[in-house]
Amino acid sequence: MAGILNIQLKSLLGNKETNLKKVEHYIKFNSDKRLDLVVMPEFFATNIDYVDNAEDENGGETIKFIQNLAKQYNTNIIAGSVVRKVGESLYNTSFAIDRTGEIIAKYDKIHLYNYLGGSEGNSITEGKKIVTASFDFAKVGLAICFDVRYPLLFKQLAKEGVQIITLPTAWPVPPEVYENEESKKYAREMWLSINRTRAYDNMVYWIVSNLTKNMGDTMFGLGGSAIISPTAQVLAYEEEKEGAIFADVDIQEVKYLKSIYPITNID
């Protein structure tokens, strides 16, 4: 069995110091458990104030802080996403960090959110490659937020042999949805259904880690972070509260299911 810790964060705009302290707190609070992987949301350190807070190509002080946490707590980490500058371009990047604090993979978000008022592509350059990270307990496929709308990406990750897919997100809803309980309930049901479907379609453990509550003046993080099994069972879930959820997962279950139902061989 492997222990997964999934952090749902109310990230404060541009306040890296406080946001990183929150991440450290939730890892420390759960350090009595076996931690094989910790996942945190997209833009966890800055919220959507990322252009003025971009890091260097290796993630700057933000990723150095996370690397130290990985070593201190002997855990692998998917550092949600950090906007980094490479040359003159900005990328929205998920960092895979092993227990020794080494960066073993970087995934630049491929599908940018440029719709219904979104303008991510105005400042961020899209990534070009799918990315996996081979940790000491499992092979993990990396994705970010709006990628979830593109199922062929995950089919390809499944063909690469991943047992887990991580989806750090900053999934937003407008105030008229967030402040209406019926609309918010529907949005969360839809969100959870999408994520359960991706897990089931690809027979992987699926970890979606979202921001919650205020994301600036005009949008709210939907929350709804979850750890989902390859059979779409919700193993851990948090609707709205900031905090961390935990689940033990059996990596052998993925291998067994794919042996009896070879989903990656079906076109």
Protein backbone atom coordinates (compact mmCIF):
# COMPACT_ATOMS: atom_id res chain seq x y z
CA MET A 1 0.00 0.00 0.00
CA ALA A 2 1.06 3.59 -0.64
CA GLY A 3 -0.01 6.69 1.27
CA ILE A 4 -1.31 9.70 -0.71
CA LEU A 5 -1.78 13.14 0.83
CA ASN A 6 -3.78 15.64 -1.21
CA ILE A 7 -3.77 19.30 -0.17
CA GLN A 8 -6.66 21.66 -0.90
CA LEU A 9 -5.57 25.26 -0.42
CA LYS A 10 -7.02 28.72 -0.01
CA SER A 11 -4.02 30.34 -1.64
CA LEU A 12 -3.54 34.03 -0.86
CA LEU A 13 -2.84 36.25 -3.87
CA GLY A 14 0.90 36.71 -4.31
CA ASN A 15 1.68 35.78 -0.69
CA LYS A 16 4.24 33.03 -1.23
CA GLU A 17 5.52 33.01 2.35
CA THR A 18 2.12 32.36 3.92
CA ASN A 19 1.05 29.89 1.26
CA LEU A 20 4.23 27.84 1.62
CA LYS A 21 3.84 27.81 5.40
CA LYS A 22 0.35 26.41 4.91
CA VAL A 23 1.70 23.61 2.73
CA GLU A 24 4.36 22.83 5.32
CA HIS A 25 1.74 22.77 8.08
CA TYR A 26 -0.47 20.23 6.30
CA ILE A 27 2.46 17.95 5.54
CA LYS A 28 3.79 18.18 9.11
CA PHE A 29 0.31 17.59 10.56
CA ASN A 30 0.05 14.36 8.56
CA SER A 31 3.64 13.21 8.97
CA ASP A 32 2.58 10.43 11.36
CA LYS A 33 1.22 8.64 8.27
CA ARG A 34 3.21 6.88 5.58
CA LEU A 35 3.58 9.57 2.93
CA ASP A 36 4.57 8.22 -0.48
CA LEU A 37 3.16 11.15 -2.45
CA VAL A 38 1.97 14.65 -1.60
CA VAL A 39 0.01 16.64 -4.20
CA MET A 40 -0.86 20.34 -4.08
CA PRO A 41 -2.90 22.64 -6.36
CA GLU A 42 -2.10 24.67 -9.43
CA PHE A 43 -0.67 28.09 -8.47
CA PHE A 44 -0.43 26.92 -4.84
CA ALA A 45 2.18 29.53 -3.92
CA THR A 46 0.72 32.60 -5.64
CA ASN A 47 -2.89 31.96 -6.61
CA ILE A 48 -3.60 33.65 -9.96
CA ASP A 49 -1.10 36.47 -9.27
CA TYR A 50 1.55 34.46 -11.07
CA VAL A 51 2.98 36.75 -13.75
CA ASP A 52 4.56 39.18 -11.29
CA ASN A 53 5.67 36.24 -9.13
CA ALA A 54 7.22 34.03 -11.79
CA GLU A 55 10.19 31.90 -10.71
CA ASP A 56 13.32 30.94 -12.61
CA GLU A 57 13.35 27.88 -14.87
CA ASN A 58 13.98 25.53 -11.93
CA GLY A 59 11.17 26.94 -9.82
CA GLY A 60 13.18 29.39 -7.77
CA GLU A 61 12.74 29.74 -4.01
CA THR A 62 9.28 28.14 -4.14
CA ILE A 63 10.55 24.82 -5.45
CA LYS A 64 13.65 24.93 -3.23
CA PHE A 65 11.28 25.15 -0.27
CA ILE A 66 9.29 22.16 -1.53
CA GLN A 67 12.49 20.19 -2.18
CA ASN A 68 13.46 20.70 1.44
CA LEU A 69 10.03 19.47 2.59
CA ALA A 70 10.43 16.34 0.46
CA LYS A 71 13.74 15.56 2.17
CA GLN A 72 12.56 16.48 5.65
CA TYR A 73 9.42 14.35 5.50
CA ASN A 74 10.81 11.59 3.26
CA THR A 75 8.07 11.92 0.67
CA ASN A 76 7.67 12.33 -3.06
CA ILE A 77 5.86 15.51 -4.07
CA ILE A 78 3.94 16.82 -7.06
CA ALA A 79 4.38 20.56 -6.61
CA GLY A 80 1.08 21.54 -8.18
CA SER A 81 2.20 24.21 -10.53
CA VAL A 82 4.59 27.12 -10.48
CA VAL A 83 4.91 29.66 -13.25
CA ARG A 84 8.54 29.70 -14.35
CA LYS A 85 10.46 31.81 -16.83
CA VAL A 86 12.56 30.11 -19.48
CA GLY A 87 14.26 32.65 -21.69
CA GLU A 88 11.55 35.16 -22.52
CA SER A 89 8.67 32.69 -22.11
CA LEU A 90 6.53 31.80 -19.10
CA TYR A 91 5.35 28.23 -18.53
CA ASN A 92 2.79 26.84 -16.08
CA THR A 93 4.80 23.92 -14.75
CA SER A 94 4.16 20.96 -12.45
CA PHE A 95 7.31 19.71 -10.69
CA ALA A 96 7.83 16.09 -9.65
CA ILE A 97 10.24 15.89 -6.70
CA ASP A 98 11.49 12.66 -5.13
CA ARG A 99 12.25 11.87 -1.48
CA THR A 100 15.83 13.09 -1.80
CA GLY A 101 14.62 16.50 -2.97
CA GLU A 102 15.66 15.96 -6.57
CA ILE A 103 13.48 17.32 -9.40
CA ILE A 104 12.88 14.23 -11.55
CA ALA A 105 10.35 15.69 -14.02
CA LYS A 106 8.77 18.96 -15.15
CA TYR A 107 5.49 19.16 -17.03
CA ASP A 108 4.52 22.35 -18.86
CA LYS A 109 0.74 22.67 -19.14
CA ILE A 110 -0.35 21.87 -22.69
CA HIS A 111 -3.98 23.02 -22.73
CA LEU A 112 -4.24 26.62 -21.57
CA TYR A 113 -7.52 28.13 -20.39
CA ASN A 114 -8.46 30.80 -22.92
CA TYR A 115 -12.25 30.49 -22.87
CA LEU A 116 -15.26 32.10 -21.15
CA GLY A 117 -13.18 34.99 -19.88
CA GLY A 118 -9.99 32.98 -19.32
CA SER A 119 -6.81 34.48 -20.76
CA GLU A 120 -4.02 32.19 -19.59
CA GLY A 121 -2.55 32.06 -23.10
CA ASN A 122 -1.97 35.82 -23.07
CA SER A 123 1.00 35.34 -20.75
CA ILE A 124 1.75 31.60 -20.64
CA THR A 125 3.35 29.54 -23.42
CA GLU A 126 1.78 26.12 -23.97
CA GLY A 127 3.78 22.98 -23.32
CA LYS A 128 4.45 20.44 -26.07
CA LYS A 129 5.13 17.08 -24.39
CA ILE A 130 3.37 14.63 -22.11
CA VAL A 131 5.43 13.83 -19.03
CA THR A 132 5.65 10.95 -16.57
CA ALA A 133 7.61 10.64 -13.34
CA SER A 134 8.99 7.31 -12.12
CA PHE A 135 8.95 7.44 -8.33
CA ASP A 136 10.11 4.67 -6.04
CA PHE A 137 6.59 3.31 -5.54
CA ALA A 138 4.72 4.07 -8.77
CA LYS A 139 4.85 5.71 -12.18
CA VAL A 140 2.88 8.96 -12.22
CA GLY A 141 1.43 10.90 -15.14
CA LEU A 142 1.39 14.69 -14.86
CA ALA A 143 -1.40 17.00 -15.99
CA ILE A 144 -2.75 20.41 -14.96
CA CYS A 145 -6.30 21.76 -14.65
CA PHE A 146 -7.85 22.42 -18.10
CA ASP A 147 -6.03 19.39 -19.48
CA VAL A 148 -8.93 17.44 -17.96
CA ARG A 149 -11.10 18.45 -20.93
CA TYR A 150 -8.81 16.56 -23.33
CA PRO A 151 -9.21 12.81 -22.65
CA LEU A 152 -6.76 11.68 -25.33
CA LEU A 153 -3.93 13.14 -23.25
CA PHE A 154 -4.79 10.73 -20.45
CA LYS A 155 -5.18 7.80 -22.81
CA GLN A 156 -1.61 8.43 -23.92
CA LEU A 157 -0.41 8.67 -20.32
CA ALA A 158 -2.12 5.35 -19.60
CA LYS A 159 -0.31 3.80 -22.56
CA GLU A 160 2.93 5.02 -20.98
CA GLY A 161 2.17 2.68 -18.07
CA VAL A 162 1.29 5.12 -15.30
CA GLN A 163 -0.55 3.87 -12.23
CA ILE A 164 -1.42 7.34 -10.93
CA ILE A 165 -2.37 10.58 -12.66
CA THR A 166 -2.18 13.88 -10.78
CA LEU A 167 -4.26 16.91 -11.72
CA PRO A 168 -3.36 20.07 -9.78
CA THR A 169 -6.03 22.65 -10.53
CA ALA A 170 -7.23 26.18 -9.91
CA TRP A 171 -10.70 25.39 -11.25
CA PRO A 172 -12.71 28.61 -11.04
CA VAL A 173 -16.38 29.46 -10.86
CA PRO A 174 -17.91 32.97 -10.93
CA PRO A 175 -19.62 34.49 -7.87
CA GLU A 176 -23.11 33.84 -9.25
CA VAL A 177 -22.35 30.11 -9.17
CA TYR A 178 -20.32 29.99 -5.95
CA GLU A 179 -22.79 32.04 -3.92
CA ASN A 180 -25.83 30.04 -5.04
CA GLU A 181 -25.94 26.74 -3.15
CA GLU A 182 -27.89 24.91 -5.84
CA SER A 183 -25.57 26.07 -8.63
CA LYS A 184 -22.47 25.30 -6.55
CA LYS A 185 -23.77 21.83 -5.75
CA TYR A 186 -24.34 21.14 -9.45
CA ALA A 187 -20.87 22.48 -10.36
CA ARG A 188 -19.22 20.20 -7.80
CA GLU A 189 -21.21 17.17 -8.94
CA MET A 190 -20.17 17.85 -12.53
CA TRP A 191 -16.55 18.34 -11.50
CA LEU A 192 -16.40 15.13 -9.51
CA SER A 193 -18.07 13.21 -12.35
CA ILE A 194 -15.45 14.37 -14.86
CA ASN A 195 -12.63 13.29 -12.58
CA ARG A 196 -14.19 9.92 -11.74
CA THR A 197 -14.65 9.27 -15.46
CA ARG A 198 -11.01 10.00 -16.24
CA ALA A 199 -9.91 7.59 -13.50
CA TYR A 200 -12.27 4.86 -14.71
CA ASP A 201 -11.51 5.29 -18.42
CA ASN A 202 -7.79 4.92 -17.85
CA MET A 203 -7.77 2.53 -14.87
CA VAL A 204 -5.53 4.71 -12.72
CA TYR A 205 -5.58 6.28 -9.31
CA TRP A 206 -6.57 9.88 -9.91
CA ILE A 207 -5.57 12.73 -7.62
CA VAL A 208 -7.20 16.09 -8.26
CA SER A 209 -5.99 18.92 -6.01
CA ASN A 210 -7.86 22.20 -6.23
CA LEU A 211 -7.81 25.72 -4.87
CA THR A 212 -10.81 26.74 -2.80
CA LYS A 213 -12.61 29.97 -1.93
CA ASN A 214 -11.44 33.40 -3.13
CA MET A 215 -9.29 33.61 -6.26
CA GLY A 216 -9.14 37.37 -6.53
CA ASP A 217 -12.12 39.70 -6.85
CA THR A 218 -14.13 37.96 -9.54
CA MET A 219 -13.64 34.19 -9.22
CA PHE A 220 -13.77 31.45 -6.60
CA GLY A 221 -11.92 28.14 -6.40
CA LEU A 222 -14.49 25.36 -6.60
CA GLY A 223 -12.72 22.98 -4.21
CA GLY A 224 -13.80 19.36 -4.64
CA SER A 225 -10.34 17.82 -4.27
CA ALA A 226 -10.37 14.03 -4.37
CA ILE A 227 -8.44 10.78 -4.43
CA ILE A 228 -10.21 8.37 -6.78
CA SER A 229 -9.59 4.67 -7.44
CA PRO A 230 -9.22 2.99 -10.86
CA THR A 231 -12.83 1.78 -10.50
CA ALA A 232 -14.01 5.39 -9.89
CA GLN A 233 -14.53 4.91 -6.15
CA VAL A 234 -13.99 8.16 -4.26
CA LEU A 235 -11.49 7.23 -1.55
CA ALA A 236 -11.17 10.72 -0.07
CA TYR A 237 -12.94 13.98 -0.84
CA GLU A 238 -13.17 17.54 0.43
CA GLU A 239 -15.81 19.93 -0.83
CA GLU A 240 -14.78 23.36 0.38
CA LYS A 241 -12.57 23.45 3.45
CA GLU A 242 -8.88 24.19 3.23
CA GLY A 243 -6.89 21.21 4.44
CA ALA A 244 -5.54 17.82 3.44
CA ILE A 245 -7.15 14.47 2.65
CA PHE A 246 -5.41 11.11 2.82
CA ALA A 247 -5.88 7.64 1.39
CA ASP A 248 -3.95 4.40 1.20
CA VAL A 249 -3.86 3.05 -2.35
CA ASP A 250 -2.90 -0.35 -3.74
CA ILE A 251 -0.74 0.07 -6.84
CA GLN A 252 -1.08 -3.65 -7.55
CA GLU A 253 -4.79 -3.10 -8.17
CA VAL A 254 -3.97 -1.08 -11.30
CA LYS A 255 -1.75 -3.84 -12.62
CA TYR A 256 -4.39 -6.49 -11.89
CA LEU A 257 -7.23 -4.56 -13.52
CA LYS A 258 -5.19 -3.91 -16.65
CA SER A 259 -4.28 -7.59 -16.84
CA ILE A 260 -7.95 -8.60 -17.07
CA TYR A 261 -9.10 -5.59 -19.08
CA PRO A 262 -6.30 -4.30 -21.31
CA ILE A 263 -7.66 -0.79 -21.74
CA THR A 264 -4.40 0.62 -23.14
CA ASN A 265 -4.49 -1.83 -26.07
CA ILE A 266 -7.91 -0.66 -27.24
CA ASP A 267 -7.94 2.12 -29.86
